[in-house]
Amino acid sequence: MFVLSGDIEVGEFDTFPRRSTLVEPPALSVGEFAVFNGIDWAIVVERPVAPVRVPQVVTMAQARLALLASGRLADVAAALDALPEPPKTSALIEWEFRDTVHRNRDLVLTILDGTLGMTNTEIDDLFILAASL
């Protein structure tokens, strides 16, 4: 979070980073934390946990390692093999020759969501795992 406070002049066309504020945080006691909710500050006693960002792109090696670790690699291979032609050949070319996998690409959604029945949360978790490998 980027916080600007004090005597700052803001011009009509000045821009600031996303999730920044000109609202000064409150004074805190020991063990308190200030969290900005987009309108005002809230004081909490538990340290806020930064949200985990879901990577939108991982390498094919990372994707395959994550599928292996989650026990889904063979399922994906079987799902690709079960596709009808001509989408099957197109999907196999992507699977074999693309360097990266995009989270919202049609092939990913067709196989993981449509064929394997994974939820959006499960797919996000898979991409988070993949990015860590």
C-alpha atoms as a PDB file:
ATOM      1  CA  MET A   1       0.000   0.000   0.000  1.00  0.00           C
ATOM      2  CA  PHE A   2       1.321   3.412  -0.916  1.00  0.00           C
ATOM      3  CA  VAL A   3       0.332   6.164   1.495  1.00  0.00           C
ATOM      4  CA  LEU A   4       0.788   9.872   0.898  1.00  0.00           C
ATOM      5  CA  SER A   5       0.264  12.084   3.910  1.00  0.00           C
ATOM      6  CA  GLY A   6       1.029  15.551   5.140  1.00  0.00           C
ATOM      7  CA  ASP A   7       0.849  18.763   3.141  1.00  0.00           C
ATOM      8  CA  ILE A   8       0.721  17.558  -0.436  1.00  0.00           C
ATOM      9  CA  GLU A   9      -0.683  19.564  -3.290  1.00  0.00           C
ATOM     10  CA  VAL A  10      -2.607  17.427  -5.720  1.00  0.00           C
ATOM     11  CA  GLY A  11      -3.053  18.711  -9.224  1.00  0.00           C
ATOM     12  CA  GLU A  12      -6.076  17.998 -11.369  1.00  0.00           C
ATOM     13  CA  PHE A  13      -4.139  15.566 -13.567  1.00  0.00           C
ATOM     14  CA  ASP A  14      -1.858  13.959 -10.956  1.00  0.00           C
ATOM     15  CA  THR A  15      -2.013  10.173 -10.834  1.00  0.00           C
ATOM     16  CA  PHE A  16      -1.062   7.815  -8.043  1.00  0.00           C
ATOM     17  CA  PRO A  17      -0.398   4.088  -7.892  1.00  0.00           C
ATOM     18  CA  ARG A  18      -3.393   1.782  -7.583  1.00  0.00           C
ATOM     19  CA  ARG A  19      -4.468   1.151  -3.997  1.00  0.00           C
ATOM     20  CA  SER A  20      -2.918   4.434  -2.822  1.00  0.00           C
ATOM     21  CA  THR A  21      -4.622   7.083  -0.714  1.00  0.00           C
ATOM     22  CA  LEU A  22      -4.238  10.664   0.416  1.00  0.00           C
ATOM     23  CA  VAL A  23      -6.144   9.839   3.630  1.00  0.00           C
ATOM     24  CA  GLU A  24      -3.622   9.831   6.461  1.00  0.00           C
ATOM     25  CA  PRO A  25      -3.642   6.655   8.594  1.00  0.00           C
ATOM     26  CA  PRO A  26      -4.715   6.900  12.241  1.00  0.00           C
ATOM     27  CA  ALA A  27      -2.316   6.795  15.180  1.00  0.00           C
ATOM     28  CA  LEU A  28      -1.799   3.208  16.301  1.00  0.00           C
ATOM     29  CA  SER A  29      -1.058   1.548  19.619  1.00  0.00           C
ATOM     30  CA  VAL A  30       1.278  -1.414  20.002  1.00  0.00           C
ATOM     31  CA  GLY A  31      -0.218  -4.478  18.350  1.00  0.00           C
ATOM     32  CA  GLU A  32      -2.607  -2.523  16.120  1.00  0.00           C
ATOM     33  CA  PHE A  33      -2.528  -2.310  12.339  1.00  0.00           C
ATOM     34  CA  ALA A  34      -4.271   0.115   9.995  1.00  0.00           C
ATOM     35  CA  VAL A  35      -6.025  -1.255   6.916  1.00  0.00           C
ATOM     36  CA  PHE A  36      -7.425   1.043   4.233  1.00  0.00           C
ATOM     37  CA  ASN A  37     -10.737  -0.206   2.821  1.00  0.00           C
ATOM     38  CA  GLY A  38     -10.907   2.218  -0.094  1.00  0.00           C
ATOM     39  CA  ILE A  39     -12.851   4.852   1.843  1.00  0.00           C
ATOM     40  CA  ASP A  40     -11.351   5.062   5.322  1.00  0.00           C
ATOM     41  CA  TRP A  41      -8.889   3.344   7.634  1.00  0.00           C
ATOM     42  CA  ALA A  42      -9.875   0.486   9.938  1.00  0.00           C
ATOM     43  CA  ILE A  43      -7.813  -0.514  12.949  1.00  0.00           C
ATOM     44  CA  VAL A  44      -7.294  -4.263  13.386  1.00  0.00           C
ATOM     45  CA  VAL A  45      -5.327  -6.290  15.925  1.00  0.00           C
ATOM     46  CA  GLU A  46      -4.292  -9.121  13.615  1.00  0.00           C
ATOM     47  CA  ARG A  47      -1.563  -8.498  11.077  1.00  0.00           C
ATOM     48  CA  PRO A  48      -3.228  -8.219   7.663  1.00  0.00           C
ATOM     49  CA  VAL A  49      -2.280 -10.894   5.178  1.00  0.00           C
ATOM     50  CA  ALA A  50      -1.580  -9.709   1.663  1.00  0.00           C
ATOM     51  CA  PRO A  51      -3.827 -11.403  -0.883  1.00  0.00           C
ATOM     52  CA  VAL A  52      -2.143 -14.011  -3.030  1.00  0.00           C
ATOM     53  CA  ARG A  53      -2.016 -12.922  -6.639  1.00  0.00           C
ATOM     54  CA  VAL A  54      -2.953 -15.542  -9.179  1.00  0.00           C
ATOM     55  CA  PRO A  55      -0.363 -15.591 -11.946  1.00  0.00           C
ATOM     56  CA  GLN A  56      -1.956 -15.206 -15.348  1.00  0.00           C
ATOM     57  CA  VAL A  57       0.935 -16.869 -17.207  1.00  0.00           C
ATOM     58  CA  VAL A  58       3.276 -19.720 -16.245  1.00  0.00           C
ATOM     59  CA  THR A  59       5.760 -21.690 -18.281  1.00  0.00           C
ATOM     60  CA  MET A  60       4.646 -24.993 -19.765  1.00  0.00           C
ATOM     61  CA  ALA A  61       7.191 -26.768 -17.547  1.00  0.00           C
ATOM     62  CA  GLN A  62       5.708 -25.112 -14.444  1.00  0.00           C
ATOM     63  CA  ALA A  63       2.194 -26.042 -15.566  1.00  0.00           C
ATOM     64  CA  ARG A  64       3.121 -29.677 -16.145  1.00  0.00           C
ATOM     65  CA  LEU A  65       4.985 -29.925 -12.837  1.00  0.00           C
ATOM     66  CA  ALA A  66       1.955 -28.454 -11.015  1.00  0.00           C
ATOM     67  CA  LEU A  67      -0.343 -30.925 -12.784  1.00  0.00           C
ATOM     68  CA  LEU A  68       2.003 -33.759 -11.811  1.00  0.00           C
ATOM     69  CA  ALA A  69       2.152 -32.601  -8.183  1.00  0.00           C
ATOM     70  CA  SER A  70      -1.639 -32.362  -8.031  1.00  0.00           C
ATOM     71  CA  GLY A  71      -2.140 -35.782  -9.616  1.00  0.00           C
ATOM     72  CA  ARG A  72      -3.806 -34.318 -12.712  1.00  0.00           C
ATOM     73  CA  LEU A  73      -1.130 -34.711 -15.407  1.00  0.00           C
ATOM     74  CA  ALA A  74      -2.478 -38.043 -16.675  1.00  0.00           C
ATOM     75  CA  ASP A  75      -6.039 -36.648 -16.570  1.00  0.00           C
ATOM     76  CA  VAL A  76      -5.050 -33.747 -18.818  1.00  0.00           C
ATOM     77  CA  ALA A  77      -3.287 -36.088 -21.268  1.00  0.00           C
ATOM     78  CA  ALA A  78      -6.414 -38.271 -21.414  1.00  0.00           C
ATOM     79  CA  ALA A  79      -8.678 -35.225 -21.844  1.00  0.00           C
ATOM     80  CA  LEU A  80      -6.540 -33.969 -24.730  1.00  0.00           C
ATOM     81  CA  ASP A  81      -6.622 -37.397 -26.356  1.00  0.00           C
ATOM     82  CA  ALA A  82     -10.419 -37.568 -26.021  1.00  0.00           C
ATOM     83  CA  LEU A  83     -11.051 -34.293 -27.861  1.00  0.00           C
ATOM     84  CA  PRO A  84     -12.716 -34.559 -31.278  1.00  0.00           C
ATOM     85  CA  GLU A  85     -10.925 -33.453 -34.434  1.00  0.00           C
ATOM     86  CA  PRO A  86      -9.942 -30.796 -35.489  1.00  0.00           C
ATOM     87  CA  PRO A  87      -9.784 -29.216 -31.992  1.00  0.00           C
ATOM     88  CA  LYS A  88      -7.715 -32.200 -30.807  1.00  0.00           C
ATOM     89  CA  THR A  89      -4.827 -31.514 -33.183  1.00  0.00           C
ATOM     90  CA  SER A  90      -4.880 -27.809 -32.345  1.00  0.00           C
ATOM     91  CA  ALA A  91      -4.873 -28.574 -28.600  1.00  0.00           C
ATOM     92  CA  LEU A  92      -2.029 -31.075 -28.943  1.00  0.00           C
ATOM     93  CA  ILE A  93       0.051 -28.519 -30.860  1.00  0.00           C
ATOM     94  CA  GLU A  94      -0.477 -26.028 -28.024  1.00  0.00           C
ATOM     95  CA  TRP A  95       0.300 -28.672 -25.388  1.00  0.00           C
ATOM     96  CA  GLU A  96       3.500 -29.756 -27.114  1.00  0.00           C
ATOM     97  CA  PHE A  97       4.896 -26.535 -28.538  1.00  0.00           C
ATOM     98  CA  ARG A  98       3.725 -23.476 -26.564  1.00  0.00           C
ATOM     99  CA  ASP A  99       6.255 -22.072 -24.120  1.00  0.00           C
ATOM    100  CA  THR A 100       3.657 -20.600 -21.779  1.00  0.00           C
ATOM    101  CA  VAL A 101       0.202 -21.344 -20.425  1.00  0.00           C
ATOM    102  CA  HIS A 102      -2.269 -18.480 -19.949  1.00  0.00           C
ATOM    103  CA  ARG A 103      -4.802 -18.773 -17.113  1.00  0.00           C
ATOM    104  CA  ASN A 104      -7.812 -17.692 -19.177  1.00  0.00           C
ATOM    105  CA  ARG A 105      -6.934 -19.311 -22.493  1.00  0.00           C
ATOM    106  CA  ASP A 106      -9.730 -21.355 -24.094  1.00  0.00           C
ATOM    107  CA  LEU A 107      -7.708 -24.585 -23.979  1.00  0.00           C
ATOM    108  CA  VAL A 108      -7.050 -24.235 -20.251  1.00  0.00           C
ATOM    109  CA  LEU A 109     -10.706 -23.532 -19.498  1.00  0.00           C
ATOM    110  CA  THR A 110     -11.953 -26.293 -21.801  1.00  0.00           C
ATOM    111  CA  ILE A 111      -9.723 -28.968 -20.270  1.00  0.00           C
ATOM    112  CA  LEU A 112      -9.523 -27.961 -16.607  1.00  0.00           C
ATOM    113  CA  ASP A 113     -12.998 -26.542 -16.120  1.00  0.00           C
ATOM    114  CA  GLY A 114     -15.060 -28.199 -18.815  1.00  0.00           C
ATOM    115  CA  THR A 115     -13.553 -31.695 -18.996  1.00  0.00           C
ATOM    116  CA  LEU A 116     -11.995 -32.209 -15.563  1.00  0.00           C
ATOM    117  CA  GLY A 117     -14.617 -30.171 -13.683  1.00  0.00           C
ATOM    118  CA  MET A 118     -12.135 -28.048 -11.735  1.00  0.00           C
ATOM    119  CA  THR A 119     -13.527 -24.927 -10.068  1.00  0.00           C
ATOM    120  CA  ASN A 120     -12.064 -21.458 -10.660  1.00  0.00           C
ATOM    121  CA  THR A 121     -10.499 -21.630  -7.202  1.00  0.00           C
ATOM    122  CA  GLU A 122      -8.860 -24.986  -7.990  1.00  0.00           C
ATOM    123  CA  ILE A 123      -7.507 -23.613 -11.269  1.00  0.00           C
ATOM    124  CA  ASP A 124      -6.196 -20.513  -9.477  1.00  0.00           C
ATOM    125  CA  ASP A 125      -4.521 -22.748  -6.874  1.00  0.00           C
ATOM    126  CA  LEU A 126      -2.943 -24.764  -9.681  1.00  0.00           C
ATOM    127  CA  PHE A 127      -1.497 -21.605 -11.258  1.00  0.00           C
ATOM    128  CA  ILE A 128      -0.241 -20.375  -7.868  1.00  0.00           C
ATOM    129  CA  LEU A 129       1.452 -23.741  -7.338  1.00  0.00           C
ATOM    130  CA  ALA A 130       2.885 -23.672 -10.866  1.00  0.00           C
ATOM    131  CA  ALA A 131       4.412 -20.220 -10.348  1.00  0.00           C
ATOM    132  CA  SER A 132       6.185 -21.490  -7.227  1.00  0.00           C
ATOM    133  CA  LEU A 133       7.928 -24.323  -9.094  1.00  0.00           C
END
